[in-house]
All heavy atoms as atom14 arrays in JSON, in Angstrom:
{
  "sequence": "NFLRQRHRTDGREEPHELGDLEPFHPDPNPGPERRTLLAELRTLLD",
  "atom14_mask": [
    [1, 1, 1, 1, 1, 1, 1, 1, 0, 0, 0, 0, 0, 0],
    [1, 1, 1, 1, 1, 1, 1, 1, 1, 1, 1, 0, 0, 0],
    [1, 1, 1, 1, 1, 1, 1, 1, 0, 0, 0, 0, 0, 0],
    [1, 1, 1, 1, 1, 1, 1, 1, 1, 1, 1, 0, 0, 0],
    [1, 1, 1, 1, 1, 1, 1, 1, 1, 0, 0, 0, 0, 0],
    [1, 1, 1, 1, 1, 1, 1, 1, 1, 1, 1, 0, 0, 0],
    [1, 1, 1, 1, 1, 1, 1, 1, 1, 1, 0, 0, 0, 0],
    [1, 1, 1, 1, 1, 1, 1, 1, 1, 1, 1, 0, 0, 0],
    [1, 1, 1, 1, 1, 1, 1, 0, 0, 0, 0, 0, 0, 0],
    [1, 1, 1, 1, 1, 1, 1, 1, 0, 0, 0, 0, 0, 0],
    [1, 1, 1, 1, 0, 0, 0, 0, 0, 0, 0, 0, 0, 0],
    [1, 1, 1, 1, 1, 1, 1, 1, 1, 1, 1, 0, 0, 0],
    [1, 1, 1, 1, 1, 1, 1, 1, 1, 0, 0, 0, 0, 0],
    [1, 1, 1, 1, 1, 1, 1, 1, 1, 0, 0, 0, 0, 0],
    [1, 1, 1, 1, 1, 1, 1, 0, 0, 0, 0, 0, 0, 0],
    [1, 1, 1, 1, 1, 1, 1, 1, 1, 1, 0, 0, 0, 0],
    [1, 1, 1, 1, 1, 1, 1, 1, 1, 0, 0, 0, 0, 0],
    [1, 1, 1, 1, 1, 1, 1, 1, 0, 0, 0, 0, 0, 0],
    [1, 1, 1, 1, 0, 0, 0, 0, 0, 0, 0, 0, 0, 0],
    [1, 1, 1, 1, 1, 1, 1, 1, 0, 0, 0, 0, 0, 0],
    [1, 1, 1, 1, 1, 1, 1, 1, 0, 0, 0, 0, 0, 0],
    [1, 1, 1, 1, 1, 1, 1, 1, 1, 0, 0, 0, 0, 0],
    [1, 1, 1, 1, 1, 1, 1, 0, 0, 0, 0, 0, 0, 0],
    [1, 1, 1, 1, 1, 1, 1, 1, 1, 1, 1, 0, 0, 0],
    [1, 1, 1, 1, 1, 1, 1, 1, 1, 1, 0, 0, 0, 0],
    [1, 1, 1, 1, 1, 1, 1, 0, 0, 0, 0, 0, 0, 0],
    [1, 1, 1, 1, 1, 1, 1, 1, 0, 0, 0, 0, 0, 0],
    [1, 1, 1, 1, 1, 1, 1, 0, 0, 0, 0, 0, 0, 0],
    [1, 1, 1, 1, 1, 1, 1, 1, 0, 0, 0, 0, 0, 0],
    [1, 1, 1, 1, 1, 1, 1, 0, 0, 0, 0, 0, 0, 0],
    [1, 1, 1, 1, 0, 0, 0, 0, 0, 0, 0, 0, 0, 0],
    [1, 1, 1, 1, 1, 1, 1, 0, 0, 0, 0, 0, 0, 0],
    [1, 1, 1, 1, 1, 1, 1, 1, 1, 0, 0, 0, 0, 0],
    [1, 1, 1, 1, 1, 1, 1, 1, 1, 1, 1, 0, 0, 0],
    [1, 1, 1, 1, 1, 1, 1, 1, 1, 1, 1, 0, 0, 0],
    [1, 1, 1, 1, 1, 1, 1, 0, 0, 0, 0, 0, 0, 0],
    [1, 1, 1, 1, 1, 1, 1, 1, 0, 0, 0, 0, 0, 0],
    [1, 1, 1, 1, 1, 1, 1, 1, 0, 0, 0, 0, 0, 0],
    [1, 1, 1, 1, 1, 0, 0, 0, 0, 0, 0, 0, 0, 0],
    [1, 1, 1, 1, 1, 1, 1, 1, 1, 0, 0, 0, 0, 0],
    [1, 1, 1, 1, 1, 1, 1, 1, 0, 0, 0, 0, 0, 0],
    [1, 1, 1, 1, 1, 1, 1, 1, 1, 1, 1, 0, 0, 0],
    [1, 1, 1, 1, 1, 1, 1, 0, 0, 0, 0, 0, 0, 0],
    [1, 1, 1, 1, 1, 1, 1, 1, 0, 0, 0, 0, 0, 0],
    [1, 1, 1, 1, 1, 1, 1, 1, 0, 0, 0, 0, 0, 0],
    [1, 1, 1, 1, 1, 1, 1, 1, 0, 0, 0, 0, 0, 0]
  ],
  "atom14_positions": [
    [[146.14, 81.85, 147.84], [146.0, 82.94, 146.89], [144.99, 83.97, 147.34], [145.34, 85.21, 147.16], [145.43, 82.35, 145.54], [146.46, 81.44, 144.84], [147.62, 81.62, 145.07], [145.93, 80.57, 143.99], [0.0, 0.0, 0.0], [0.0, 0.0, 0.0], [0.0, 0.0, 0.0], [0.0, 0.0, 0.0], [0.0, 0.0, 0.0], [0.0, 0.0, 0.0]],
    [[143.9, 83.67, 148.0], [143.05, 84.68, 148.55], [143.69, 85.54, 149.6], [143.59, 86.75, 149.56], [141.8, 83.95, 149.2], [140.94, 84.88, 149.92], [139.93, 85.59, 149.26], [141.05, 85.09, 151.33], [139.11, 86.47, 149.92], [140.23, 85.97, 151.96], [139.23, 86.64, 151.31], [0.0, 0.0, 0.0], [0.0, 0.0, 0.0], [0.0, 0.0, 0.0]],
    [[144.43, 84.99, 150.5], [145.16, 85.73, 151.52], [146.22, 86.7, 150.95], [146.38, 87.82, 151.34], [145.85, 84.88, 152.56], [144.86, 84.12, 153.47], [145.61, 83.11, 154.41], [144.13, 85.06, 154.31], [0.0, 0.0, 0.0], [0.0, 0.0, 0.0], [0.0, 0.0, 0.0], [0.0, 0.0, 0.0], [0.0, 0.0, 0.0], [0.0, 0.0, 0.0]],
    [[146.98, 86.14, 149.89], [147.94, 87.04, 149.27], [147.36, 88.23, 148.68], [147.72, 89.34, 148.75], [148.76, 86.23, 148.26], [149.85, 85.36, 148.87], [150.78, 84.83, 147.79], [150.18, 83.85, 146.96], [150.22, 82.6, 147.14], [150.88, 82.08, 148.26], [149.64, 81.77, 146.35], [0.0, 0.0, 0.0], [0.0, 0.0, 0.0], [0.0, 0.0, 0.0]],
    [[146.18, 88.0, 147.94], [145.47, 89.09, 147.28], [144.84, 89.97, 148.37], [144.92, 91.26, 148.08], [144.28, 88.47, 146.42], [143.49, 89.56, 145.7], [144.26, 90.34, 144.7], [145.23, 89.81, 144.05], [143.96, 91.62, 144.51], [0.0, 0.0, 0.0], [0.0, 0.0, 0.0], [0.0, 0.0, 0.0], [0.0, 0.0, 0.0], [0.0, 0.0, 0.0]],
    [[144.34, 89.53, 149.4], [143.73, 90.39, 150.48], [144.81, 91.27, 151.04], [144.58, 92.41, 151.25], [143.03, 89.49, 151.47], [142.29, 90.27, 152.5], [141.64, 89.48, 153.51], [142.6, 88.92, 154.41], [142.29, 88.07, 155.53], [141.09, 87.72, 155.73], [143.24, 87.55, 156.23], [0.0, 0.0, 0.0], [0.0, 0.0, 0.0], [0.0, 0.0, 0.0]],
    [[145.97, 90.7, 151.3], [147.01, 91.51, 151.92], [147.5, 92.58, 151.01], [147.96, 93.63, 151.42], [148.09, 90.58, 152.46], [147.63, 89.65, 153.56], [148.3, 88.52, 153.83], [146.62, 89.65, 154.34], [147.66, 87.89, 154.79], [146.61, 88.55, 155.12], [0.0, 0.0, 0.0], [0.0, 0.0, 0.0], [0.0, 0.0, 0.0], [0.0, 0.0, 0.0]],
    [[147.55, 92.24, 149.74], [148.04, 93.3, 148.79], [146.99, 94.47, 148.66], [147.46, 95.55, 148.46], [148.17, 92.64, 147.39], [149.46, 91.85, 147.16], [149.73, 91.58, 145.79], [148.69, 90.76, 145.14], [148.77, 89.46, 145.06], [149.85, 88.84, 145.48], [147.82, 88.77, 144.39], [0.0, 0.0, 0.0], [0.0, 0.0, 0.0], [0.0, 0.0, 0.0]],
    [[145.75, 94.16, 148.83], [144.75, 95.19, 148.63], [144.36, 95.93, 149.92], [144.04, 97.16, 149.87], [143.46, 94.59, 148.04], [142.93, 93.53, 148.96], [143.71, 94.0, 146.68], [0.0, 0.0, 0.0], [0.0, 0.0, 0.0], [0.0, 0.0, 0.0], [0.0, 0.0, 0.0], [0.0, 0.0, 0.0], [0.0, 0.0, 0.0], [0.0, 0.0, 0.0]],
    [[144.5, 95.37, 151.09], [144.07, 96.12, 152.33], [145.15, 96.18, 153.38], [144.94, 96.79, 154.43], [142.73, 95.54, 152.92], [142.99, 94.09, 153.54], [144.15, 93.64, 153.63], [142.0, 93.45, 153.78], [0.0, 0.0, 0.0], [0.0, 0.0, 0.0], [0.0, 0.0, 0.0], [0.0, 0.0, 0.0], [0.0, 0.0, 0.0], [0.0, 0.0, 0.0]],
    [[146.29, 95.55, 153.15], [147.41, 95.71, 154.06], [147.17, 95.18, 155.44], [147.69, 95.74, 156.39], [0.0, 0.0, 0.0], [0.0, 0.0, 0.0], [0.0, 0.0, 0.0], [0.0, 0.0, 0.0], [0.0, 0.0, 0.0], [0.0, 0.0, 0.0], [0.0, 0.0, 0.0], [0.0, 0.0, 0.0], [0.0, 0.0, 0.0], [0.0, 0.0, 0.0]],
    [[146.41, 94.18, 155.62], [146.15, 93.68, 156.96], [147.46, 93.14, 157.63], [148.2, 92.5, 157.04], [145.08, 92.53, 156.94], [143.73, 92.92, 156.56], [142.74, 91.79, 156.84], [141.49, 92.12, 156.28], [140.42, 91.32, 156.46], [140.51, 90.19, 157.16], [139.2, 91.67, 156.0], [0.0, 0.0, 0.0], [0.0, 0.0, 0.0], [0.0, 0.0, 0.0]],
    [[147.55, 93.51, 158.94], [148.74, 93.05, 159.61], [148.47, 91.75, 160.41], [149.48, 91.09, 160.78], [149.18, 94.14, 160.63], [149.67, 95.39, 159.97], [150.05, 96.45, 160.99], [150.04, 96.17, 162.18], [150.56, 97.52, 160.58], [0.0, 0.0, 0.0], [0.0, 0.0, 0.0], [0.0, 0.0, 0.0], [0.0, 0.0, 0.0], [0.0, 0.0, 0.0]],
    [[147.22, 91.37, 160.65], [146.95, 90.13, 161.31], [146.06, 89.23, 160.45], [144.9, 89.22, 160.56], [146.21, 90.47, 162.64], [147.01, 91.22, 163.65], [146.33, 91.33, 164.97], [146.1, 90.31, 165.66], [145.98, 92.49, 165.34], [0.0, 0.0, 0.0], [0.0, 0.0, 0.0], [0.0, 0.0, 0.0], [0.0, 0.0, 0.0], [0.0, 0.0, 0.0]],
    [[146.7, 88.44, 159.54], [146.0, 87.69, 158.63], [145.18, 86.59, 159.2], [144.31, 85.95, 158.61], [147.03, 87.15, 157.59], [148.25, 87.11, 158.46], [148.19, 88.31, 159.37], [0.0, 0.0, 0.0], [0.0, 0.0, 0.0], [0.0, 0.0, 0.0], [0.0, 0.0, 0.0], [0.0, 0.0, 0.0], [0.0, 0.0, 0.0], [0.0, 0.0, 0.0]],
    [[145.4, 86.2, 160.49], [144.77, 85.03, 161.08], [143.63, 85.43, 162.01], [143.24, 84.69, 162.88], [145.86, 84.17, 161.83], [146.89, 83.68, 160.95], [146.57, 82.99, 159.81], [148.25, 83.83, 160.96], [147.7, 82.63, 159.18], [148.69, 83.1, 159.92], [0.0, 0.0, 0.0], [0.0, 0.0, 0.0], [0.0, 0.0, 0.0], [0.0, 0.0, 0.0]],
    [[143.14, 86.64, 161.87], [142.0, 87.09, 162.64], [140.75, 87.03, 161.91], [140.63, 87.43, 160.73], [142.24, 88.58, 163.16], [143.32, 88.74, 164.08], [143.03, 88.25, 165.47], [141.84, 87.94, 165.75], [143.87, 88.23, 166.25], [0.0, 0.0, 0.0], [0.0, 0.0, 0.0], [0.0, 0.0, 0.0], [0.0, 0.0, 0.0], [0.0, 0.0, 0.0]],
    [[139.69, 86.44, 162.49], [138.39, 86.44, 161.86], [137.82, 87.89, 162.07], [138.04, 88.49, 163.1], [137.42, 85.43, 162.51], [137.8, 83.98, 162.25], [136.91, 83.1, 163.07], [137.59, 83.59, 160.84], [0.0, 0.0, 0.0], [0.0, 0.0, 0.0], [0.0, 0.0, 0.0], [0.0, 0.0, 0.0], [0.0, 0.0, 0.0], [0.0, 0.0, 0.0]],
    [[136.95, 88.26, 161.09], [136.42, 89.59, 161.22], [134.91, 89.67, 160.65], [134.71, 90.56, 159.94], [0.0, 0.0, 0.0], [0.0, 0.0, 0.0], [0.0, 0.0, 0.0], [0.0, 0.0, 0.0], [0.0, 0.0, 0.0], [0.0, 0.0, 0.0], [0.0, 0.0, 0.0], [0.0, 0.0, 0.0], [0.0, 0.0, 0.0], [0.0, 0.0, 0.0]],
    [[134.09, 88.77, 161.03], [132.78, 88.74, 160.41], [131.96, 89.97, 160.74], [131.32, 90.65, 159.98], [131.97, 87.54, 160.85], [131.48, 86.76, 159.72], [131.88, 87.05, 158.56], [130.58, 85.93, 159.98], [0.0, 0.0, 0.0], [0.0, 0.0, 0.0], [0.0, 0.0, 0.0], [0.0, 0.0, 0.0], [0.0, 0.0, 0.0], [0.0, 0.0, 0.0]],
    [[132.01, 90.37, 162.06], [131.24, 91.5, 162.51], [132.26, 92.53, 163.07], [133.2, 92.15, 163.67], [130.25, 91.16, 163.57], [129.23, 90.12, 163.22], [128.32, 89.75, 164.44], [128.4, 90.56, 162.1], [0.0, 0.0, 0.0], [0.0, 0.0, 0.0], [0.0, 0.0, 0.0], [0.0, 0.0, 0.0], [0.0, 0.0, 0.0], [0.0, 0.0, 0.0]],
    [[131.92, 93.82, 162.77], [132.77, 94.89, 163.28], [132.57, 95.09, 164.76], [131.49, 94.95, 165.29], [132.48, 96.2, 162.52], [132.74, 96.14, 160.98], [134.25, 95.91, 160.73], [135.12, 96.45, 161.57], [134.58, 95.21, 159.76], [0.0, 0.0, 0.0], [0.0, 0.0, 0.0], [0.0, 0.0, 0.0], [0.0, 0.0, 0.0], [0.0, 0.0, 0.0]],
    [[133.54, 95.62, 165.5], [133.4, 95.96, 166.92], [132.37, 97.0, 167.11], [132.17, 97.83, 166.22], [134.84, 96.35, 167.41], [135.72, 95.82, 166.39], [134.94, 95.72, 165.08], [0.0, 0.0, 0.0], [0.0, 0.0, 0.0], [0.0, 0.0, 0.0], [0.0, 0.0, 0.0], [0.0, 0.0, 0.0], [0.0, 0.0, 0.0], [0.0, 0.0, 0.0]],
    [[131.63, 96.98, 168.27], [130.65, 97.96, 168.54], [131.31, 99.24, 169.07], [132.0, 99.3, 170.11], [129.76, 97.39, 169.66], [128.53, 98.24, 169.9], [127.47, 98.21, 169.1], [128.52, 99.12, 171.09], [126.29, 99.01, 169.3], [127.4, 99.83, 171.31], [126.28, 99.82, 170.46], [0.0, 0.0, 0.0], [0.0, 0.0, 0.0], [0.0, 0.0, 0.0]],
    [[131.16, 100.35, 168.33], [131.78, 101.62, 168.69], [130.72, 102.71, 168.94], [130.38, 103.44, 168.02], [132.8, 102.1, 167.61], [134.0, 101.26, 167.5], [134.95, 101.26, 168.56], [134.45, 100.53, 166.58], [135.88, 100.43, 168.14], [135.66, 99.96, 166.96], [0.0, 0.0, 0.0], [0.0, 0.0, 0.0], [0.0, 0.0, 0.0], [0.0, 0.0, 0.0]],
    [[130.11, 102.83, 170.14], [129.19, 103.9, 170.32], [129.8, 105.23, 170.37], [130.92, 105.34, 170.81], [128.58, 103.44, 171.68], [129.6, 102.67, 172.44], [130.39, 102.0, 171.35], [0.0, 0.0, 0.0], [0.0, 0.0, 0.0], [0.0, 0.0, 0.0], [0.0, 0.0, 0.0], [0.0, 0.0, 0.0], [0.0, 0.0, 0.0], [0.0, 0.0, 0.0]],
    [[129.09, 106.24, 169.9], [129.5, 107.59, 169.94], [129.64, 108.01, 171.41], [128.64, 107.81, 172.2], [128.44, 108.53, 169.23], [128.91, 109.93, 169.13], [129.8, 110.39, 169.92], [128.41, 110.59, 168.18], [0.0, 0.0, 0.0], [0.0, 0.0, 0.0], [0.0, 0.0, 0.0], [0.0, 0.0, 0.0], [0.0, 0.0, 0.0], [0.0, 0.0, 0.0]],
    [[130.74, 108.63, 171.87], [130.83, 109.0, 173.28], [129.87, 110.05, 173.7], [129.61, 110.2, 174.85], [132.33, 109.47, 173.33], [132.66, 109.86, 171.93], [131.96, 108.89, 171.11], [0.0, 0.0, 0.0], [0.0, 0.0, 0.0], [0.0, 0.0, 0.0], [0.0, 0.0, 0.0], [0.0, 0.0, 0.0], [0.0, 0.0, 0.0], [0.0, 0.0, 0.0]],
    [[129.34, 110.86, 172.79], [128.47, 111.94, 173.1], [127.25, 112.0, 172.15], [127.03, 112.93, 171.4], [129.17, 113.38, 173.01], [130.22, 113.47, 174.07], [130.04, 113.33, 175.25], [131.49, 113.6, 173.59], [0.0, 0.0, 0.0], [0.0, 0.0, 0.0], [0.0, 0.0, 0.0], [0.0, 0.0, 0.0], [0.0, 0.0, 0.0], [0.0, 0.0, 0.0]],
    [[126.46, 110.93, 172.18], [125.36, 110.84, 171.23], [124.17, 111.76, 171.6], [124.02, 111.98, 172.77], [124.99, 109.3, 171.26], [125.3, 108.95, 172.69], [126.58, 109.71, 173.01], [0.0, 0.0, 0.0], [0.0, 0.0, 0.0], [0.0, 0.0, 0.0], [0.0, 0.0, 0.0], [0.0, 0.0, 0.0], [0.0, 0.0, 0.0], [0.0, 0.0, 0.0]],
    [[123.43, 112.12, 170.58], [122.2, 112.96, 170.85], [121.12, 112.11, 171.3], [121.35, 110.82, 171.48], [0.0, 0.0, 0.0], [0.0, 0.0, 0.0], [0.0, 0.0, 0.0], [0.0, 0.0, 0.0], [0.0, 0.0, 0.0], [0.0, 0.0, 0.0], [0.0, 0.0, 0.0], [0.0, 0.0, 0.0], [0.0, 0.0, 0.0], [0.0, 0.0, 0.0]],
    [[119.95, 112.58, 171.68], [118.91, 111.88, 172.29], [118.4, 110.66, 171.31], [118.15, 109.59, 171.81], [117.74, 112.85, 172.44], [118.48, 114.16, 172.5], [119.67, 114.09, 171.66], [0.0, 0.0, 0.0], [0.0, 0.0, 0.0], [0.0, 0.0, 0.0], [0.0, 0.0, 0.0], [0.0, 0.0, 0.0], [0.0, 0.0, 0.0], [0.0, 0.0, 0.0]],
    [[118.26, 110.97, 170.02], [117.81, 109.92, 169.15], [118.82, 108.81, 168.95], [118.49, 107.64, 168.93], [117.48, 110.55, 167.72], [116.29, 111.54, 167.76], [115.99, 111.99, 166.35], [116.71, 111.64, 165.49], [115.07, 112.81, 166.28], [0.0, 0.0, 0.0], [0.0, 0.0, 0.0], [0.0, 0.0, 0.0], [0.0, 0.0, 0.0], [0.0, 0.0, 0.0]],
    [[120.13, 109.26, 168.94], [121.18, 108.28, 168.82], [121.18, 107.37, 170.09], [121.47, 106.22, 169.99], [122.5, 109.02, 168.58], [123.72, 108.13, 168.54], [123.74, 107.32, 167.22], [124.93, 106.66, 167.02], [125.18, 105.71, 166.12], [124.16, 105.34, 165.34], [126.3, 105.12, 165.99], [0.0, 0.0, 0.0], [0.0, 0.0, 0.0], [0.0, 0.0, 0.0]],
    [[121.02, 108.05, 171.29], [121.05, 107.28, 172.53], [119.97, 106.25, 172.6], [120.16, 105.16, 172.96], [120.96, 108.23, 173.7], [122.25, 109.04, 174.02], [122.22, 109.54, 175.46], [121.12, 110.44, 175.69], [121.12, 111.76, 175.43], [122.26, 112.32, 175.01], [120.19, 112.59, 175.62], [0.0, 0.0, 0.0], [0.0, 0.0, 0.0], [0.0, 0.0, 0.0]],
    [[118.72, 106.66, 172.13], [117.71, 105.73, 172.07], [117.94, 104.58, 171.13], [117.67, 103.37, 171.47], [116.39, 106.46, 171.61], [116.08, 107.49, 172.53], [115.18, 105.52, 171.55], [0.0, 0.0, 0.0], [0.0, 0.0, 0.0], [0.0, 0.0, 0.0], [0.0, 0.0, 0.0], [0.0, 0.0, 0.0], [0.0, 0.0, 0.0], [0.0, 0.0, 0.0]],
    [[118.49, 104.87, 169.91], [118.79, 103.79, 169.04], [119.81, 102.81, 169.56], [119.71, 101.62, 169.45], [119.3, 104.46, 167.66], [119.77, 103.41, 166.52], [118.56, 102.46, 166.15], [120.21, 104.2, 165.4], [0.0, 0.0, 0.0], [0.0, 0.0, 0.0], [0.0, 0.0, 0.0], [0.0, 0.0, 0.0], [0.0, 0.0, 0.0], [0.0, 0.0, 0.0]],
    [[120.89, 103.37, 170.15], [121.97, 102.63, 170.68], [121.43, 101.73, 171.8], [121.85, 100.52, 171.96], [123.15, 103.45, 171.21], [123.93, 104.1, 170.16], [124.93, 105.08, 170.78], [124.69, 103.13, 169.22], [0.0, 0.0, 0.0], [0.0, 0.0, 0.0], [0.0, 0.0, 0.0], [0.0, 0.0, 0.0], [0.0, 0.0, 0.0], [0.0, 0.0, 0.0]],
    [[120.56, 102.26, 172.6], [119.97, 101.41, 173.76], [119.11, 100.26, 173.15], [119.18, 99.18, 173.67], [119.1, 102.32, 174.63], [0.0, 0.0, 0.0], [0.0, 0.0, 0.0], [0.0, 0.0, 0.0], [0.0, 0.0, 0.0], [0.0, 0.0, 0.0], [0.0, 0.0, 0.0], [0.0, 0.0, 0.0], [0.0, 0.0, 0.0], [0.0, 0.0, 0.0]],
    [[118.37, 100.53, 172.13], [117.58, 99.53, 171.49], [118.46, 98.39, 170.79], [118.19, 97.23, 171.0], [116.6, 100.1, 170.43], [115.53, 101.0, 170.95], [114.71, 101.63, 169.8], [115.12, 101.47, 168.72], [113.74, 102.36, 170.16], [0.0, 0.0, 0.0], [0.0, 0.0, 0.0], [0.0, 0.0, 0.0], [0.0, 0.0, 0.0], [0.0, 0.0, 0.0]],
    [[119.57, 98.88, 170.18], [120.45, 97.94, 169.53], [121.09, 97.11, 170.58], [121.34, 95.85, 170.42], [121.45, 98.63, 168.66], [120.91, 99.29, 167.39], [122.01, 100.11, 166.73], [120.31, 98.25, 166.51], [0.0, 0.0, 0.0], [0.0, 0.0, 0.0], [0.0, 0.0, 0.0], [0.0, 0.0, 0.0], [0.0, 0.0, 0.0], [0.0, 0.0, 0.0]],
    [[121.57, 97.71, 171.7], [122.21, 97.03, 172.76], [121.27, 95.94, 173.39], [121.66, 94.85, 173.64], [122.72, 97.98, 173.86], [123.38, 97.31, 175.02], [124.67, 96.64, 174.59], [125.63, 97.57, 174.09], [126.9, 97.49, 174.35], [127.44, 96.53, 175.09], [127.72, 98.41, 173.92], [0.0, 0.0, 0.0], [0.0, 0.0, 0.0], [0.0, 0.0, 0.0]],
    [[119.98, 96.37, 173.59], [119.06, 95.4, 174.14], [118.85, 94.2, 173.16], [118.72, 93.03, 173.6], [117.7, 96.13, 174.36], [117.87, 97.21, 175.26], [116.6, 95.16, 174.89], [0.0, 0.0, 0.0], [0.0, 0.0, 0.0], [0.0, 0.0, 0.0], [0.0, 0.0, 0.0], [0.0, 0.0, 0.0], [0.0, 0.0, 0.0], [0.0, 0.0, 0.0]],
    [[118.77, 94.55, 171.84], [118.53, 93.46, 170.89], [119.8, 92.54, 170.83], [119.66, 91.28, 170.8], [118.37, 94.15, 169.55], [118.16, 93.17, 168.33], [117.0, 92.29, 168.54], [118.06, 94.01, 167.08], [0.0, 0.0, 0.0], [0.0, 0.0, 0.0], [0.0, 0.0, 0.0], [0.0, 0.0, 0.0], [0.0, 0.0, 0.0], [0.0, 0.0, 0.0]],
    [[120.95, 93.15, 170.85], [122.17, 92.28, 170.83], [122.26, 91.42, 172.12], [122.6, 90.24, 172.03], [123.45, 93.16, 170.78], [124.81, 92.53, 170.79], [124.92, 91.52, 169.65], [125.94, 93.4, 170.82], [0.0, 0.0, 0.0], [0.0, 0.0, 0.0], [0.0, 0.0, 0.0], [0.0, 0.0, 0.0], [0.0, 0.0, 0.0], [0.0, 0.0, 0.0]],
    [[121.89, 92.04, 173.32], [121.92, 91.17, 174.56], [120.88, 90.04, 174.45], [121.17, 88.88, 174.91], [121.52, 92.08, 175.72], [122.67, 92.99, 176.1], [123.85, 92.78, 175.74], [122.42, 94.02, 176.84], [0.0, 0.0, 0.0], [0.0, 0.0, 0.0], [0.0, 0.0, 0.0], [0.0, 0.0, 0.0], [0.0, 0.0, 0.0], [0.0, 0.0, 0.0]]
  ]
}
């Protein structure tokens, strides 16, 4: 029932994929502050 409801509301094409965390998408041209933050986050994730 949960999957049927989810597919009706968000139209997912791959119902058997887990998705707890979103993929990491860094800005291709970040500014200095953004670059610093991304570097810190990458270090933390590593």
